[in-house]
């Protein structure tokens, strides 16, 4: 196993300190009382304290069991539970109670549902807008097996951003992304922009899985060709020894170079760094794309 460099360990340690703030502790309490799932916890994200302090949070709706088994992911695979009709209202109440400014909604892949869970997802978006007007919502969707009607259902709920992660370079899809298809992922992003041009599109990918610099740059070109607006780039950290192994840990200057290159391609906002995740400071990235002031923390 490739050893984690000390500079990265130090960075993780500093981020964990943010979890002790009053804003972060209040968020944790709200999540428990409303019996909600967050990808912040399920994916073992090292940044959740920092995001909580800026009123950003990522809720995982439709349970925390995925029907696929991607080798990089910490979310459990198995047979999901039935949808909970009360979930949209509970998520919306938590958003209002917590004072969230920017809510990211993600989901485990639900291939067991005819529409992949799109209608339920749309109901959560609508509940948040009704209960907490002014809150921005960013759904991070599955590929819905390429079902464009399902995509239209989510977009019709009026989110500010539509996110769908490409995760890695196409050369690694067969070994890393079980059940996913690179071209299908690109098509989801491209079709979203065609269906709703006013809604920003966003994607993210990991590095450290064995990809080359040339493959990374070609991936970014493909994403811009699909008219993607926002991009995140972060280090892959294996959740356990049984997950896909880490091939390397790029140095911080490499992330800065990738960000600079992405901006030359025309992305409206880019977040690139070792601990960046797809929903990391999502509100700040949206604000950057819109030319708005970003949160500096509570």
Protein backbone atom coordinates (compact mmCIF):
# COMPACT_ATOMS: atom_id res chain seq x y z
CA UNK A 1 0.00 0.00 0.00
CA UNK A 2 1.32 3.46 -0.94
CA UNK A 3 2.10 5.37 2.29
CA UNK A 4 0.27 8.65 2.92
CA UNK A 5 2.76 11.55 2.93
CA UNK A 6 3.11 13.52 6.16
CA UNK A 7 1.97 16.80 4.60
CA UNK A 8 -1.36 15.18 3.70
CA UNK A 9 -1.78 13.72 7.19
CA UNK A 10 -1.21 17.21 8.63
CA UNK A 11 -3.83 18.67 6.29
CA UNK A 12 -6.42 16.09 7.35
CA UNK A 13 -5.65 16.81 11.01
CA UNK A 14 -6.23 20.55 10.59
CA UNK A 15 -9.57 19.95 8.90
CA UNK A 16 -10.74 17.61 11.65
CA UNK A 17 -10.27 20.43 14.17
CA UNK A 18 -13.13 22.31 12.47
CA UNK A 19 -15.53 19.58 13.61
CA UNK A 20 -15.34 20.95 17.17
CA UNK A 21 -16.92 24.31 16.27
CA UNK A 22 -20.42 25.15 17.52
CA UNK A 23 -21.78 25.29 13.96
CA UNK A 24 -20.44 21.84 13.17
CA UNK A 25 -21.68 20.35 16.43
CA UNK A 26 -25.13 21.85 15.86
CA UNK A 27 -25.21 20.34 12.38
CA UNK A 28 -24.33 16.91 13.73
CA UNK A 29 -27.15 17.17 16.28
CA UNK A 30 -29.71 18.19 13.64
CA UNK A 31 -28.72 15.28 11.38
CA UNK A 32 -29.27 12.79 14.19
CA UNK A 33 -32.61 14.22 15.36
CA UNK A 34 -34.09 14.16 11.86
CA UNK A 35 -32.72 10.64 11.24
CA UNK A 36 -31.00 11.73 8.04
CA UNK A 37 -28.00 10.44 6.13
CA UNK A 38 -25.21 12.67 4.90
CA UNK A 39 -22.56 11.72 2.40
CA UNK A 40 -20.26 13.77 4.63
CA UNK A 41 -20.39 10.81 7.05
CA UNK A 42 -21.05 7.89 4.69
CA UNK A 43 -18.07 8.76 2.48
CA UNK A 44 -15.88 9.64 5.50
CA UNK A 45 -15.22 13.12 4.11
CA UNK A 46 -12.34 14.94 5.85
CA UNK A 47 -13.84 18.39 5.15
CA UNK A 48 -17.25 18.24 6.78
CA UNK A 49 -16.40 20.61 9.65
CA UNK A 50 -15.22 23.31 7.23
CA UNK A 51 -18.36 22.94 5.09
CA UNK A 52 -20.68 22.88 8.12
CA UNK A 53 -19.15 26.18 9.26
CA UNK A 54 -20.23 27.82 5.99
CA UNK A 55 -23.77 26.48 5.97
CA UNK A 56 -23.00 23.85 3.34
CA UNK A 57 -24.10 20.25 3.74
CA UNK A 58 -24.57 17.19 1.56
CA UNK A 59 -27.60 15.04 2.37
CA UNK A 60 -27.81 11.50 1.09
CA UNK A 61 -31.44 10.76 0.25
CA UNK A 62 -33.06 7.41 -0.52
CA UNK A 63 -30.98 5.57 2.07
CA UNK A 64 -27.31 4.73 2.34
CA UNK A 65 -27.22 1.44 0.40
CA UNK A 66 -26.12 1.40 -3.24
CA UNK A 67 -27.10 -1.12 -5.90
CA UNK A 68 -23.66 -0.94 -7.51
CA UNK A 69 -20.22 -1.61 -6.09
CA UNK A 70 -17.64 0.88 -7.34
CA UNK A 71 -14.24 -0.10 -5.98
CA UNK A 72 -13.36 3.39 -4.72
CA UNK A 73 -16.54 4.12 -2.75
CA UNK A 74 -17.19 3.87 1.00
CA UNK A 75 -20.99 3.71 0.58
CA UNK A 76 -22.30 0.20 1.28
CA UNK A 77 -23.63 -2.05 -1.47
CA UNK A 78 -26.70 -4.26 -1.03
CA UNK A 79 -30.48 -4.34 -1.26
CA UNK A 80 -31.89 -0.86 -0.53
CA UNK A 81 -34.91 -0.20 1.66
CA UNK A 82 -38.16 1.17 0.17
CA UNK A 83 -38.38 4.93 -0.31
CA UNK A 84 -39.50 6.96 2.71
CA UNK A 85 -42.31 9.37 1.71
CA UNK A 86 -41.60 11.53 4.76
CA UNK A 87 -37.96 12.11 3.84
CA UNK A 88 -38.42 15.23 1.65
CA UNK A 89 -40.13 17.11 4.48
CA UNK A 90 -37.53 16.03 7.06
CA UNK A 91 -34.63 17.11 4.87
CA UNK A 92 -36.30 20.45 4.23
CA UNK A 93 -36.95 21.01 7.94
CA UNK A 94 -33.32 20.22 8.76
CA UNK A 95 -32.15 22.69 6.10
CA UNK A 96 -34.34 25.42 7.59
CA UNK A 97 -33.51 24.61 11.22
CA UNK A 98 -29.79 24.49 10.61
CA UNK A 99 -29.74 27.71 8.60
CA UNK A 100 -28.18 26.04 5.58
CA UNK A 101 -27.47 28.37 2.67
CA UNK A 102 -26.47 25.79 0.10
CA UNK A 103 -27.74 22.22 0.16
CA UNK A 104 -26.18 19.44 -1.89
CA UNK A 105 -28.33 16.35 -2.31
CA UNK A 106 -26.75 13.09 -3.32
CA UNK A 107 -27.99 9.54 -3.56
CA UNK A 108 -26.81 5.97 -3.74
CA UNK A 109 -27.42 4.53 -7.20
CA UNK A 110 -30.92 3.05 -7.12
CA UNK A 111 -31.05 0.74 -10.13
CA UNK A 112 -33.85 -1.11 -8.31
CA UNK A 113 -36.29 1.76 -9.03
CA UNK A 114 -37.89 2.26 -12.48
CA UNK A 115 -36.88 5.95 -12.60
CA UNK A 116 -33.72 5.51 -10.53
CA UNK A 117 -35.30 7.59 -7.77
CA UNK A 118 -35.66 10.75 -9.88
CA UNK A 119 -39.22 11.59 -8.74
CA UNK A 120 -38.28 11.25 -5.06
CA UNK A 121 -35.21 13.39 -5.64
CA UNK A 122 -37.33 16.08 -7.29
CA UNK A 123 -39.70 16.04 -4.30
CA UNK A 124 -36.80 16.75 -1.93
CA UNK A 125 -35.64 19.70 -4.06
CA UNK A 126 -39.17 21.13 -4.16
CA UNK A 127 -39.63 20.66 -0.40
CA UNK A 128 -36.44 22.60 0.35
CA UNK A 129 -37.41 25.48 -1.94
CA UNK A 130 -40.87 25.64 -0.34
CA UNK A 131 -39.72 25.32 3.28
CA UNK A 132 -36.54 27.38 3.08
CA UNK A 133 -36.90 29.92 0.25
CA UNK A 134 -33.60 31.33 -0.93
CA UNK A 135 -31.59 28.20 -0.22
CA UNK A 136 -29.63 27.03 -3.24
CA UNK A 137 -29.93 23.32 -4.09
CA UNK A 138 -27.45 21.15 -5.97
CA UNK A 139 -28.53 17.55 -6.69
CA UNK A 140 -25.63 15.16 -7.28
CA UNK A 141 -27.35 12.47 -9.31
CA UNK A 142 -26.61 8.96 -10.50
CA UNK A 143 -26.60 8.29 -14.24
CA UNK A 144 -30.20 6.92 -14.09
CA UNK A 145 -28.94 4.31 -16.58
CA UNK A 146 -29.14 7.02 -19.22
CA UNK A 147 -32.89 7.62 -18.70
CA UNK A 148 -33.41 11.18 -20.00
CA UNK A 149 -36.98 11.33 -18.70
CA UNK A 150 -35.59 10.79 -15.20
CA UNK A 151 -33.05 13.56 -15.79
CA UNK A 152 -35.84 15.89 -16.94
CA UNK A 153 -37.80 15.12 -13.76
CA UNK A 154 -34.92 16.31 -11.56
CA UNK A 155 -34.26 19.40 -13.67
CA UNK A 156 -37.95 20.32 -13.64
CA UNK A 157 -37.70 20.80 -9.85
CA UNK A 158 -35.52 23.85 -10.51
CA UNK A 159 -32.15 23.17 -8.86
CA UNK A 160 -29.46 25.83 -9.18
CA UNK A 161 -26.82 23.27 -10.19
CA UNK A 162 -27.04 19.75 -11.65
CA UNK A 163 -24.06 17.60 -10.66
CA UNK A 164 -23.01 14.19 -11.90
CA UNK A 165 -19.50 12.88 -11.26
CA UNK A 166 -17.26 11.44 -13.94
CA UNK A 167 -15.02 10.12 -11.09
CA UNK A 168 -12.00 9.05 -13.16
CA UNK A 169 -10.44 8.93 -16.62
CA UNK A 170 -12.11 6.65 -19.19
CA UNK A 171 -9.12 4.31 -19.26
CA UNK A 172 -9.87 3.27 -15.65
CA UNK A 173 -13.66 2.88 -15.84
CA UNK A 174 -13.65 -0.90 -16.30
CA UNK A 175 -11.58 -1.48 -13.16
CA UNK A 176 -12.86 1.36 -10.93
CA UNK A 177 -16.50 2.18 -11.83
CA UNK A 178 -18.58 -0.99 -11.76
CA UNK A 179 -21.76 -0.63 -13.83
CA UNK A 180 -20.92 2.85 -15.13
CA UNK A 181 -20.11 3.95 -18.67
CA UNK A 182 -17.92 6.92 -19.54
CA UNK A 183 -19.93 8.00 -22.59
CA UNK A 184 -23.17 7.71 -20.63
CA UNK A 185 -21.78 9.97 -17.92
CA UNK A 186 -20.74 12.59 -20.49
CA UNK A 187 -24.17 12.36 -22.10
CA UNK A 188 -25.98 12.99 -18.81
CA UNK A 189 -24.00 16.22 -18.38
CA UNK A 190 -24.38 17.32 -21.99
CA UNK A 191 -28.13 16.59 -22.09
CA UNK A 192 -28.70 18.44 -18.83
CA UNK A 193 -27.33 21.61 -20.39
CA UNK A 194 -29.46 21.10 -23.50
CA UNK A 195 -32.63 20.51 -21.46
CA UNK A 196 -32.06 23.39 -19.02
CA UNK A 197 -29.35 25.79 -20.29
CA UNK A 198 -29.85 28.15 -17.32
CA UNK A 199 -28.87 25.46 -14.78
CA UNK A 200 -25.14 25.13 -14.12
CA UNK A 201 -23.64 21.68 -14.61
CA UNK A 202 -20.91 20.26 -12.42
CA UNK A 203 -18.72 17.19 -12.21
CA UNK A 204 -15.73 15.91 -10.27
CA UNK A 205 -12.97 13.36 -10.56
CA UNK A 206 -10.30 11.78 -8.39
CA UNK A 207 -6.57 11.50 -8.99
CA UNK A 208 -4.12 8.98 -7.61
CA UNK A 209 -5.75 5.93 -9.16
CA UNK A 210 -3.05 5.39 -11.79
CA UNK A 211 -4.09 7.94 -14.42
CA UNK A 212 -1.53 9.97 -16.40
CA UNK A 213 -1.34 13.75 -16.75
CA UNK A 214 -2.22 13.45 -20.45
CA UNK A 215 -5.32 11.39 -19.58
CA UNK A 216 -6.39 14.01 -17.04
CA UNK A 217 -6.10 16.81 -19.58
CA UNK A 218 -8.01 14.81 -22.20
CA UNK A 219 -10.74 14.16 -19.64
CA UNK A 220 -11.07 17.88 -18.94
CA UNK A 221 -11.33 18.58 -22.67
CA UNK A 222 -14.14 16.02 -22.94
CA UNK A 223 -15.97 17.65 -20.05
CA UNK A 224 -15.78 21.10 -21.61
CA UNK A 225 -16.99 19.62 -24.89
CA UNK A 226 -20.04 18.47 -22.88
CA UNK A 227 -20.45 22.11 -21.73
CA UNK A 228 -19.75 21.39 -18.05
CA UNK A 229 -19.49 24.60 -15.98
CA UNK A 230 -17.98 23.57 -12.64
CA UNK A 231 -15.22 21.08 -11.83
CA UNK A 232 -13.70 19.54 -8.72
CA UNK A 233 -10.43 17.58 -8.57
CA UNK A 234 -9.28 15.74 -5.45
CA UNK A 235 -7.05 12.99 -4.12
CA UNK A 236 -8.45 9.46 -3.96
CA UNK A 237 -8.17 8.07 -0.43
CA UNK A 238 -8.98 4.35 -0.17
CA UNK A 239 -11.72 3.83 2.47
CA UNK A 240 -10.21 0.46 3.44
CA UNK A 241 -7.57 -2.06 2.44
CA UNK A 242 -10.17 -3.96 0.38
CA UNK A 243 -10.95 -0.95 -1.84
CA UNK A 244 -9.11 0.07 -4.99
CA UNK A 245 -5.49 0.84 -4.04
CA UNK A 246 -4.00 4.33 -4.14
CA UNK A 247 -1.33 4.52 -6.84
CA UNK A 248 0.21 7.85 -5.80
CA UNK A 249 -0.29 11.15 -3.96
CA UNK A 250 0.21 14.11 -6.32
CA UNK A 251 1.91 17.14 -4.78
CA UNK A 252 -0.09 20.35 -4.16
CA UNK A 253 1.57 22.15 -7.08
CA UNK A 254 0.13 19.55 -9.46
CA UNK A 255 -3.39 20.44 -8.33
CA UNK A 256 -2.67 24.11 -8.93
CA UNK A 257 -1.46 23.29 -12.45
CA UNK A 258 -4.60 21.24 -13.20
CA UNK A 259 -6.80 24.08 -11.94
CA UNK A 260 -4.99 26.61 -14.10
CA UNK A 261 -5.31 24.35 -17.14
CA UNK A 262 -9.02 23.78 -16.49
CA UNK A 263 -9.66 27.50 -16.33
CA UNK A 264 -7.96 28.00 -19.70
CA UNK A 265 -10.48 25.52 -21.13
CA UNK A 266 -13.38 27.70 -20.00
CA UNK A 267 -14.72 26.17 -16.76
CA UNK A 268 -16.57 28.83 -14.75
CA UNK A 269 -15.33 27.50 -11.43
CA UNK A 270 -12.70 24.96 -10.41
CA UNK A 271 -11.79 23.54 -6.99
CA UNK A 272 -8.61 21.48 -7.11
CA UNK A 273 -6.68 20.18 -4.11
CA UNK A 274 -5.76 17.02 -2.19
CA UNK A 275 -8.82 17.10 0.08
CA UNK A 276 -11.31 18.54 -2.41
CA UNK A 277 -14.40 16.40 -2.85
CA UNK A 278 -17.28 16.76 -5.31
CA UNK A 279 -19.41 18.68 -2.79
CA UNK A 280 -16.52 20.47 -1.06
CA UNK A 281 -17.47 24.10 -0.38
CA UNK A 282 -20.09 23.72 -3.07
CA UNK A 283 -21.67 27.04 -2.17
CA UNK A 284 -18.37 28.86 -2.65
CA UNK A 285 -17.81 27.28 -6.06
CA UNK A 286 -21.32 28.28 -7.13
CA UNK A 287 -20.71 31.82 -5.86
CA UNK A 288 -17.46 32.00 -7.82
CA UNK A 289 -19.23 31.02 -11.02
CA UNK A 290 -21.91 33.62 -10.40
CA UNK A 291 -19.51 36.38 -9.31
CA UNK A 292 -20.94 36.44 -5.77
CA UNK A 293 -19.08 36.77 -2.43
CA UNK A 294 -18.19 33.43 -0.81
CA UNK A 295 -18.53 32.43 2.84
CA UNK A 296 -15.48 32.91 5.09
CA UNK A 297 -16.82 30.71 7.90
CA UNK A 298 -18.89 31.16 11.04
